Amino acid sequence: MSYPDCFNCIDCGVNTGEINEYYMVYNFLWWGVVRTSGMLCIGCLENRLKRKLTKYDFPKLPVNNENDNKKSERLKDRLNSG
C-alpha cells in the first residue's frame, strides 16, 4: 500500500504510514514540542521530547491498539512500556 506525502515525518521525511508508525499522543504532549500539524515518526518525536515515549503518553484510542499487527516494533514497544 502506498501512503500519500501527508504521512511523511516533518523532521526526517520517512513515510510514517509505510513504516507503520501511525499513532496519537495526548494533545498537550504534541503541541508542547511540535506546534504544527503533520506527522512525526516515533524517533523524531522522542528527539523533540528528549526522552523515550511510554504507554502513558498515548490516549486509549483505537489507533493506539498495541495488539494491532500493523504497528512497527518500535511503536508496539512504546505502547507497552511503562
C-alpha atoms as a PDB file:
ATOM      1  CA  MET A   1       0.000   0.000   0.000  1.00  0.00           C
ATOM      2  CA  SER A   2       1.240   3.447  -0.890  1.00  0.00           C
ATOM      3  CA  TYR A   3       0.663   6.331   1.506  1.00  0.00           C
ATOM      4  CA  PRO A   4       0.441   9.993   0.431  1.00  0.00           C
ATOM      5  CA  ASP A   5       3.112  12.552   1.257  1.00  0.00           C
ATOM      6  CA  CYS A   6       0.986  13.910   4.115  1.00  0.00           C
ATOM      7  CA  PHE A   7       2.183  10.842   6.085  1.00  0.00           C
ATOM      8  CA  ASN A   8       5.824  11.962   5.791  1.00  0.00           C
ATOM      9  CA  CYS A   9       7.605  12.776   9.049  1.00  0.00           C
ATOM     10  CA  ILE A  10       8.072  16.545   9.161  1.00  0.00           C
ATOM     11  CA  ASP A  11      11.592  16.112  10.575  1.00  0.00           C
ATOM     12  CA  CYS A  12      13.248  13.181   8.757  1.00  0.00           C
ATOM     13  CA  GLY A  13      10.851  12.681   5.820  1.00  0.00           C
ATOM     14  CA  VAL A  14      10.181   8.948   6.333  1.00  0.00           C
ATOM     15  CA  ASN A  15       6.622   7.925   5.431  1.00  0.00           C
ATOM     16  CA  THR A  16       5.062   7.014   8.789  1.00  0.00           C
ATOM     17  CA  GLY A  17       2.318   5.003   7.101  1.00  0.00           C
ATOM     18  CA  GLU A  18       4.804   2.817   5.260  1.00  0.00           C
ATOM     19  CA  ILE A  19       6.805   2.115   8.450  1.00  0.00           C
ATOM     20  CA  ASN A  20       3.582   1.508  10.439  1.00  0.00           C
ATOM     21  CA  GLU A  21       4.024   4.374  12.875  1.00  0.00           C
ATOM     22  CA  TYR A  22       0.585   5.929  12.748  1.00  0.00           C
ATOM     23  CA  TYR A  23      -0.421   6.882  16.306  1.00  0.00           C
ATOM     24  CA  MET A  24      -1.753   9.654  18.512  1.00  0.00           C
ATOM     25  CA  VAL A  25      -0.273  11.075  21.699  1.00  0.00           C
ATOM     26  CA  TYR A  26      -2.010  13.395  24.128  1.00  0.00           C
ATOM     27  CA  ASN A  27      -2.576  16.886  22.719  1.00  0.00           C
ATOM     28  CA  PHE A  28      -0.607  18.642  25.477  1.00  0.00           C
ATOM     29  CA  LEU A  29       2.406  16.475  24.650  1.00  0.00           C
ATOM     30  CA  TRP A  30       2.193  17.001  20.884  1.00  0.00           C
ATOM     31  CA  TRP A  31       1.572  20.748  20.982  1.00  0.00           C
ATOM     32  CA  GLY A  32       4.251  21.178  23.641  1.00  0.00           C
ATOM     33  CA  VAL A  33       7.008  20.217  21.212  1.00  0.00           C
ATOM     34  CA  VAL A  34       5.532  20.244  17.698  1.00  0.00           C
ATOM     35  CA  ARG A  35       3.384  23.398  17.452  1.00  0.00           C
ATOM     36  CA  THR A  36       2.175  22.464  13.966  1.00  0.00           C
ATOM     37  CA  SER A  37       0.114  19.812  12.283  1.00  0.00           C
ATOM     38  CA  GLY A  38       1.745  16.944  10.450  1.00  0.00           C
ATOM     39  CA  MET A  39       3.330  13.610  11.244  1.00  0.00           C
ATOM     40  CA  LEU A  40       6.396  12.563  13.181  1.00  0.00           C
ATOM     41  CA  CYS A  41       7.926   9.121  13.361  1.00  0.00           C
ATOM     42  CA  ILE A  42       8.458   7.816  16.891  1.00  0.00           C
ATOM     43  CA  GLY A  43      12.187   8.577  16.785  1.00  0.00           C
ATOM     44  CA  CYS A  44      11.731  12.202  15.771  1.00  0.00           C
ATOM     45  CA  LEU A  45       9.034  12.814  18.396  1.00  0.00           C
ATOM     46  CA  GLU A  46      11.317  11.302  21.022  1.00  0.00           C
ATOM     47  CA  ASN A  47      14.175  13.518  19.826  1.00  0.00           C
ATOM     48  CA  ARG A  48      11.993  16.572  20.300  1.00  0.00           C
ATOM     49  CA  LEU A  49      10.815  15.372  23.720  1.00  0.00           C
ATOM     50  CA  LYS A  50      14.371  14.383  24.692  1.00  0.00           C
ATOM     51  CA  ARG A  51      13.012  11.139  26.147  1.00  0.00           C
ATOM     52  CA  LYS A  52      11.539   7.792  25.205  1.00  0.00           C
ATOM     53  CA  LEU A  53       7.754   7.547  24.887  1.00  0.00           C
ATOM     54  CA  THR A  54       5.807   5.284  27.267  1.00  0.00           C
ATOM     55  CA  LYS A  55       2.290   3.870  27.282  1.00  0.00           C
ATOM     56  CA  TYR A  56       1.214   6.810  29.435  1.00  0.00           C
ATOM     57  CA  ASP A  57       1.813   9.198  26.505  1.00  0.00           C
ATOM     58  CA  PHE A  58      -0.845   7.533  24.332  1.00  0.00           C
ATOM     59  CA  PRO A  59      -4.578   8.027  24.924  1.00  0.00           C
ATOM     60  CA  LYS A  60      -6.744   4.903  24.876  1.00  0.00           C
ATOM     61  CA  LEU A  61      -7.963   5.176  21.279  1.00  0.00           C
ATOM     62  CA  PRO A  62      -8.381   2.527  18.556  1.00  0.00           C
ATOM     63  CA  VAL A  63      -5.436   3.996  16.609  1.00  0.00           C
ATOM     64  CA  ASN A  64      -3.196   3.165  19.579  1.00  0.00           C
ATOM     65  CA  ASN A  65      -4.214  -0.505  19.896  1.00  0.00           C
ATOM     66  CA  GLU A  66      -0.966  -2.215  20.879  1.00  0.00           C
ATOM     67  CA  ASN A  67      -2.288  -5.570  19.629  1.00  0.00           C
ATOM     68  CA  ASP A  68      -2.569  -4.297  16.060  1.00  0.00           C
ATOM     69  CA  ASN A  69      -0.092  -6.276  13.971  1.00  0.00           C
ATOM     70  CA  LYS A  70       0.226  -3.311  11.627  1.00  0.00           C
ATOM     71  CA  LYS A  71       2.356  -1.363  14.114  1.00  0.00           C
ATOM     72  CA  SER A  72       6.137  -1.100  13.953  1.00  0.00           C
ATOM     73  CA  GLU A  73       8.059  -2.980  16.630  1.00  0.00           C
ATOM     74  CA  ARG A  74       9.260   0.373  17.963  1.00  0.00           C
ATOM     75  CA  LEU A  75       5.697   1.685  18.308  1.00  0.00           C
ATOM     76  CA  LYS A  76       4.461  -1.554  19.908  1.00  0.00           C
ATOM     77  CA  ASP A  77       7.340  -1.305  22.381  1.00  0.00           C
ATOM     78  CA  ARG A  78       6.357   2.235  23.396  1.00  0.00           C
ATOM     79  CA  LEU A  79       2.663   1.320  23.669  1.00  0.00           C
ATOM     80  CA  ASN A  80       3.598  -1.413  26.141  1.00  0.00           C
ATOM     81  CA  SER A  81       6.363   0.301  28.125  1.00  0.00           C
ATOM     82  CA  GLY A  82       5.782   1.968  31.397  1.00  0.00           C
END
